[in-house]
Amino acid sequence: MRRSWRRLVVVPVAVVLAVAGLSVARADATQGFCGQTWGSLPKQLGNNDPGSLSTLLTGARAGRHACFDRLTFDLTGRPASYRVEYVPQITSDGSGEPIPLRGGAFLGIVLGAPAHDADYRPTYRPADRFNAVNVNGYTTFRQVYFDGTYEGLTSFGLGVRARLPFRVFLLAGPGSGSRMVVDVAHRWS
């Protein structure tokens, strides 16, 4: 009698769990890796409008997450524009000279926010422009290069492991500032 009672409870529970597991697997498959639905095409705001001195770049930092690596730019306001796209090679804005970066693919990042004030005093100056942000040990990021500001536009090169999906968005704060975020997935779905 005891065995038949267990079968009556255990079998239906196992069936419910199996059905629930299948529906969860289907939902994950349609949403992509970690639920992301990003792509690898260019992302932009505005039309590479040069920044005014009301919004300045003040910092850059990186973070590791379970599904992506994140590069964050700290700004004193909202940028006039941004453009982030995969490019065959990173080149210096002023000279056009190629910049060698580690990685299998390269994201060019251009912000409409200068990295200096009205008197050309730097508001962002990394100790090493070729390693502007330490990304040692990251899953996707390989190197962050700071090219500087040229005609009101500030440029970075981001070396990544491969051409992977990415997204770009703005966050408000702190205070009247903002942050521009570039997330690059660890893999395709």
C-alpha atoms as a PDB file:
ATOM      1  CA  MET A   1       0.000   0.000   0.000  1.00  0.00           C
ATOM      2  CA  ARG A   2       2.812   2.352   0.851  1.00  0.00           C
ATOM      3  CA  ARG A   3       4.470   1.894  -2.560  1.00  0.00           C
ATOM      4  CA  SER A   4       1.324   2.680  -4.524  1.00  0.00           C
ATOM      5  CA  TRP A   5       0.815   5.912  -2.525  1.00  0.00           C
ATOM      6  CA  ARG A   6       4.373   7.036  -3.374  1.00  0.00           C
ATOM      7  CA  ARG A   7       3.830   6.277  -7.047  1.00  0.00           C
ATOM      8  CA  LEU A   8       0.644   8.311  -7.043  1.00  0.00           C
ATOM      9  CA  VAL A   9       2.527  11.341  -5.653  1.00  0.00           C
ATOM     10  CA  VAL A  10       6.012  10.979  -7.168  1.00  0.00           C
ATOM     11  CA  VAL A  11       5.020  10.205 -10.781  1.00  0.00           C
ATOM     12  CA  PRO A  12       2.711  13.245 -11.245  1.00  0.00           C
ATOM     13  CA  VAL A  13       5.287  15.530  -9.588  1.00  0.00           C
ATOM     14  CA  ALA A  14       8.021  14.201 -11.889  1.00  0.00           C
ATOM     15  CA  VAL A  15       5.790  14.778 -14.928  1.00  0.00           C
ATOM     16  CA  VAL A  16       5.057  18.373 -13.848  1.00  0.00           C
ATOM     17  CA  LEU A  17       8.763  19.064 -13.296  1.00  0.00           C
ATOM     18  CA  ALA A  18       9.683  17.577 -16.665  1.00  0.00           C
ATOM     19  CA  VAL A  19       7.066  19.690 -18.468  1.00  0.00           C
ATOM     20  CA  ALA A  20       8.171  22.821 -16.589  1.00  0.00           C
ATOM     21  CA  GLY A  21      11.802  22.061 -17.424  1.00  0.00           C
ATOM     22  CA  LEU A  22      10.980  21.761 -21.127  1.00  0.00           C
ATOM     23  CA  SER A  23       9.099  25.070 -21.161  1.00  0.00           C
ATOM     24  CA  VAL A  24      11.970  26.823 -19.361  1.00  0.00           C
ATOM     25  CA  ALA A  25      14.452  25.416 -21.902  1.00  0.00           C
ATOM     26  CA  ARG A  26      12.298  26.676 -24.790  1.00  0.00           C
ATOM     27  CA  ALA A  27      12.072  30.185 -23.276  1.00  0.00           C
ATOM     28  CA  ASP A  28      15.865  30.337 -22.840  1.00  0.00           C
ATOM     29  CA  ALA A  29      16.428  29.221 -26.441  1.00  0.00           C
ATOM     30  CA  THR A  30      14.240  32.008 -27.856  1.00  0.00           C
ATOM     31  CA  GLN A  31      15.807  34.705 -25.664  1.00  0.00           C
ATOM     32  CA  GLY A  32      19.409  33.811 -26.450  1.00  0.00           C
ATOM     33  CA  PHE A  33      22.432  33.501 -24.202  1.00  0.00           C
ATOM     34  CA  CYS A  34      21.515  34.738 -20.705  1.00  0.00           C
ATOM     35  CA  GLY A  35      18.326  36.219 -22.148  1.00  0.00           C
ATOM     36  CA  GLN A  36      20.196  38.714 -24.365  1.00  0.00           C
ATOM     37  CA  THR A  37      18.887  39.566 -27.817  1.00  0.00           C
ATOM     38  CA  TRP A  38      21.729  41.873 -28.841  1.00  0.00           C
ATOM     39  CA  GLY A  39      23.479  41.941 -32.187  1.00  0.00           C
ATOM     40  CA  SER A  40      26.804  43.125 -33.551  1.00  0.00           C
ATOM     41  CA  LEU A  41      25.672  46.004 -35.788  1.00  0.00           C
ATOM     42  CA  PRO A  42      26.669  49.640 -35.021  1.00  0.00           C
ATOM     43  CA  LYS A  43      24.853  51.478 -32.236  1.00  0.00           C
ATOM     44  CA  GLN A  44      24.662  55.265 -32.175  1.00  0.00           C
ATOM     45  CA  LEU A  45      23.032  58.328 -30.692  1.00  0.00           C
ATOM     46  CA  GLY A  46      23.071  61.481 -32.802  1.00  0.00           C
ATOM     47  CA  ASN A  47      25.311  61.823 -35.816  1.00  0.00           C
ATOM     48  CA  ASN A  48      28.822  62.017 -34.321  1.00  0.00           C
ATOM     49  CA  ASP A  49      27.962  65.474 -33.038  1.00  0.00           C
ATOM     50  CA  PRO A  50      30.991  67.016 -31.304  1.00  0.00           C
ATOM     51  CA  GLY A  51      30.582  67.470 -27.600  1.00  0.00           C
ATOM     52  CA  SER A  52      30.252  70.805 -25.918  1.00  0.00           C
ATOM     53  CA  LEU A  53      32.167  71.660 -22.785  1.00  0.00           C
ATOM     54  CA  SER A  54      28.978  71.206 -20.748  1.00  0.00           C
ATOM     55  CA  THR A  55      29.414  67.413 -20.826  1.00  0.00           C
ATOM     56  CA  LEU A  56      32.889  66.065 -20.118  1.00  0.00           C
ATOM     57  CA  LEU A  57      34.330  62.573 -19.838  1.00  0.00           C
ATOM     58  CA  THR A  58      35.639  62.075 -16.296  1.00  0.00           C
ATOM     59  CA  GLY A  59      36.293  58.345 -16.014  1.00  0.00           C
ATOM     60  CA  ALA A  60      36.243  54.887 -17.546  1.00  0.00           C
ATOM     61  CA  ARG A  61      36.030  51.545 -15.750  1.00  0.00           C
ATOM     62  CA  ALA A  62      35.193  47.929 -16.449  1.00  0.00           C
ATOM     63  CA  GLY A  63      33.257  45.200 -14.701  1.00  0.00           C
ATOM     64  CA  ARG A  64      32.762  41.460 -15.091  1.00  0.00           C
ATOM     65  CA  HIS A  65      29.304  39.910 -15.103  1.00  0.00           C
ATOM     66  CA  ALA A  66      28.058  36.339 -15.523  1.00  0.00           C
ATOM     67  CA  CYS A  67      27.039  36.812 -19.167  1.00  0.00           C
ATOM     68  CA  PHE A  68      29.001  39.852 -20.378  1.00  0.00           C
ATOM     69  CA  ASP A  69      31.882  42.231 -19.736  1.00  0.00           C
ATOM     70  CA  ARG A  70      30.964  45.900 -19.155  1.00  0.00           C
ATOM     71  CA  LEU A  71      32.821  49.126 -19.987  1.00  0.00           C
ATOM     72  CA  THR A  72      31.378  52.245 -18.330  1.00  0.00           C
ATOM     73  CA  PHE A  73      32.196  55.872 -19.137  1.00  0.00           C
ATOM     74  CA  ASP A  74      31.485  58.527 -16.493  1.00  0.00           C
ATOM     75  CA  LEU A  75      30.215  61.862 -17.849  1.00  0.00           C
ATOM     76  CA  THR A  76      29.262  65.205 -16.298  1.00  0.00           C
ATOM     77  CA  GLY A  77      26.035  65.331 -18.374  1.00  0.00           C
ATOM     78  CA  ARG A  78      24.421  63.660 -21.371  1.00  0.00           C
ATOM     79  CA  PRO A  79      26.767  63.118 -24.351  1.00  0.00           C
ATOM     80  CA  ALA A  80      25.972  64.984 -27.573  1.00  0.00           C
ATOM     81  CA  SER A  81      26.421  61.688 -29.443  1.00  0.00           C
ATOM     82  CA  TYR A  82      28.037  58.288 -29.431  1.00  0.00           C
ATOM     83  CA  ARG A  83      28.871  55.624 -31.990  1.00  0.00           C
ATOM     84  CA  VAL A  84      30.057  52.113 -31.177  1.00  0.00           C
ATOM     85  CA  GLU A  85      30.855  49.694 -33.987  1.00  0.00           C
ATOM     86  CA  TYR A  86      33.099  46.846 -35.001  1.00  0.00           C
ATOM     87  CA  VAL A  87      35.935  48.084 -37.191  1.00  0.00           C
ATOM     88  CA  PRO A  88      38.702  46.197 -39.010  1.00  0.00           C
ATOM     89  CA  GLN A  89      41.365  48.159 -37.118  1.00  0.00           C
ATOM     90  CA  ILE A  90      41.546  50.973 -34.576  1.00  0.00           C
ATOM     91  CA  THR A  91      43.214  54.095 -35.965  1.00  0.00           C
ATOM     92  CA  SER A  92      44.197  57.337 -34.247  1.00  0.00           C
ATOM     93  CA  ASP A  93      41.774  60.164 -35.057  1.00  0.00           C
ATOM     94  CA  GLY A  94      44.412  62.841 -35.417  1.00  0.00           C
ATOM     95  CA  SER A  95      46.977  60.963 -37.504  1.00  0.00           C
ATOM     96  CA  GLY A  96      45.105  58.011 -38.989  1.00  0.00           C
ATOM     97  CA  GLU A  97      47.909  55.742 -37.761  1.00  0.00           C
ATOM     98  CA  PRO A  98      46.860  52.166 -36.916  1.00  0.00           C
ATOM     99  CA  ILE A  99      46.795  51.244 -33.217  1.00  0.00           C
ATOM    100  CA  PRO A 100      47.668  47.610 -32.488  1.00  0.00           C
ATOM    101  CA  LEU A 101      45.297  46.092 -29.944  1.00  0.00           C
ATOM    102  CA  ARG A 102      45.006  42.632 -28.423  1.00  0.00           C
ATOM    103  CA  GLY A 103      41.933  40.659 -29.451  1.00  0.00           C
ATOM    104  CA  GLY A 104      40.263  38.974 -32.386  1.00  0.00           C
ATOM    105  CA  ALA A 105      37.856  41.883 -33.038  1.00  0.00           C
ATOM    106  CA  PHE A 106      37.804  45.613 -32.318  1.00  0.00           C
ATOM    107  CA  LEU A 107      35.067  48.001 -31.222  1.00  0.00           C
ATOM    108  CA  GLY A 108      35.588  51.656 -32.087  1.00  0.00           C
ATOM    109  CA  ILE A 109      33.921  53.890 -29.497  1.00  0.00           C
ATOM    110  CA  VAL A 110      33.406  57.603 -30.190  1.00  0.00           C
ATOM    111  CA  LEU A 111      31.781  59.862 -27.573  1.00  0.00           C
ATOM    112  CA  GLY A 112      30.485  63.383 -28.157  1.00  0.00           C
ATOM    113  CA  ALA A 113      32.032  64.484 -24.852  1.00  0.00           C
ATOM    114  CA  PRO A 114      35.565  65.911 -24.606  1.00  0.00           C
ATOM    115  CA  ALA A 115      38.094  64.611 -22.077  1.00  0.00           C
ATOM    116  CA  HIS A 116      39.248  68.164 -21.242  1.00  0.00           C
ATOM    117  CA  ASP A 117      37.763  71.411 -19.950  1.00  0.00           C
ATOM    118  CA  ALA A 118      37.588  74.830 -21.665  1.00  0.00           C
ATOM    119  CA  ASP A 119      41.241  75.508 -20.750  1.00  0.00           C
ATOM    120  CA  TYR A 120      42.306  72.106 -22.171  1.00  0.00           C
ATOM    121  CA  ARG A 121      43.013  70.678 -18.727  1.00  0.00           C
ATOM    122  CA  PRO A 122      42.332  66.934 -18.855  1.00  0.00           C
ATOM    123  CA  THR A 123      39.194  65.703 -17.115  1.00  0.00           C
ATOM    124  CA  TYR A 124      40.176  62.119 -17.888  1.00  0.00           C
ATOM    125  CA  ARG A 125      43.792  61.011 -18.175  1.00  0.00           C
ATOM    126  CA  PRO A 126      44.648  57.342 -17.706  1.00  0.00           C
ATOM    127  CA  ALA A 127      48.168  56.466 -16.546  1.00  0.00           C
ATOM    128  CA  ASP A 128      48.616  54.316 -19.694  1.00  0.00           C
ATOM    129  CA  ARG A 129      46.540  55.176 -22.771  1.00  0.00           C
ATOM    130  CA  PHE A 130      47.181  51.690 -24.254  1.00  0.00           C
ATOM    131  CA  ASN A 131      45.724  50.063 -21.129  1.00  0.00           C
ATOM    132  CA  ALA A 132      43.321  52.793 -20.081  1.00  0.00           C
ATOM    133  CA  VAL A 133      41.255  50.316 -18.060  1.00  0.00           C
ATOM    134  CA  ASN A 134      42.608  47.125 -16.536  1.00  0.00           C
ATOM    135  CA  VAL A 135      40.774  44.198 -18.157  1.00  0.00           C
ATOM    136  CA  ASN A 136      43.269  41.434 -17.317  1.00  0.00           C
ATOM    137  CA  GLY A 137      41.453  38.151 -16.748  1.00  0.00           C
ATOM    138  CA  TYR A 138      38.180  39.255 -18.369  1.00  0.00           C
ATOM    139  CA  THR A 139      36.223  36.714 -20.414  1.00  0.00           C
ATOM    140  CA  THR A 140      35.622  38.921 -23.470  1.00  0.00           C
ATOM    141  CA  PHE A 141      37.650  42.133 -23.098  1.00  0.00           C
ATOM    142  CA  ARG A 142      41.321  42.082 -24.095  1.00  0.00           C
ATOM    143  CA  GLN A 143      42.434  45.746 -24.104  1.00  0.00           C
ATOM    144  CA  VAL A 144      41.045  49.287 -23.742  1.00  0.00           C
ATOM    145  CA  TYR A 145      42.882  52.056 -25.633  1.00  0.00           C
ATOM    146  CA  PHE A 146      42.242  55.785 -25.051  1.00  0.00           C
ATOM    147  CA  ASP A 147      42.976  57.849 -28.162  1.00  0.00           C
ATOM    148  CA  GLY A 148      41.996  61.226 -26.707  1.00  0.00           C
ATOM    149  CA  THR A 149      39.756  64.043 -27.890  1.00  0.00           C
ATOM    150  CA  TYR A 150      39.911  65.387 -31.427  1.00  0.00           C
ATOM    151  CA  GLU A 151      37.521  68.133 -32.607  1.00  0.00           C
ATOM    152  CA  GLY A 152      35.161  67.566 -29.661  1.00  0.00           C
ATOM    153  CA  LEU A 153      34.942  63.775 -30.066  1.00  0.00           C
ATOM    154  CA  THR A 154      36.661  61.377 -27.652  1.00  0.00           C
ATOM    155  CA  SER A 155      37.753  57.997 -29.002  1.00  0.00           C
ATOM    156  CA  PHE A 156      38.486  54.612 -27.460  1.00  0.00           C
ATOM    157  CA  GLY A 157      39.412  51.282 -28.977  1.00  0.00           C
ATOM    158  CA  LEU A 158      38.183  48.111 -27.295  1.00  0.00           C
ATOM    159  CA  GLY A 159      39.899  44.855 -28.193  1.00  0.00           C
ATOM    160  CA  VAL A 160      37.623  41.860 -27.618  1.00  0.00           C
ATOM    161  CA  ARG A 161      38.061  38.092 -27.928  1.00  0.00           C
ATOM    162  CA  ALA A 162      35.845  37.818 -31.052  1.00  0.00           C
ATOM    163  CA  ARG A 163      33.039  39.655 -32.830  1.00  0.00           C
ATOM    164  CA  LEU A 164      30.334  39.121 -30.226  1.00  0.00           C
ATOM    165  CA  PRO A 165      26.921  40.709 -29.564  1.00  0.00           C
ATOM    166  CA  PHE A 166      26.975  44.024 -27.725  1.00  0.00           C
ATOM    167  CA  ARG A 167      24.643  46.732 -26.488  1.00  0.00           C
ATOM    168  CA  VAL A 168      25.070  50.409 -25.601  1.00  0.00           C
ATOM    169  CA  PHE A 169      22.885  52.499 -23.315  1.00  0.00           C
ATOM    170  CA  LEU A 170      22.915  55.582 -21.084  1.00  0.00           C
ATOM    171  CA  LEU A 171      22.209  55.682 -17.362  1.00  0.00           C
ATOM    172  CA  ALA A 172      21.342  58.817 -15.403  1.00  0.00           C
ATOM    173  CA  GLY A 173      23.461  60.003 -12.491  1.00  0.00           C
ATOM    174  CA  PRO A 174      25.171  60.399 -10.263  1.00  0.00           C
ATOM    175  CA  GLY A 175      23.871  63.921  -9.741  1.00  0.00           C
ATOM    176  CA  SER A 176      23.394  65.710 -13.062  1.00  0.00           C
ATOM    177  CA  GLY A 177      25.885  63.385 -14.757  1.00  0.00           C
ATOM    178  CA  SER A 178      25.368  60.232 -16.753  1.00  0.00           C
ATOM    179  CA  ARG A 179      27.112  57.008 -17.644  1.00  0.00           C
ATOM    180  CA  MET A 180      27.469  55.417 -21.046  1.00  0.00           C
ATOM    181  CA  VAL A 181      27.603  51.627 -20.850  1.00  0.00           C
ATOM    182  CA  VAL A 182      28.980  49.165 -23.403  1.00  0.00           C
ATOM    183  CA  ASP A 183      28.227  45.500 -22.647  1.00  0.00           C
ATOM    184  CA  VAL A 184      29.804  42.754 -24.769  1.00  0.00           C
ATOM    185  CA  ALA A 185      28.424  39.216 -24.396  1.00  0.00           C
ATOM    186  CA  HIS A 186      30.683  36.302 -23.573  1.00  0.00           C
ATOM    187  CA  ARG A 187      29.268  34.312 -26.481  1.00  0.00           C
ATOM    188  CA  TRP A 188      26.542  34.166 -29.110  1.00  0.00           C
ATOM    189  CA  SER A 189      23.268  32.383 -28.211  1.00  0.00           C
END
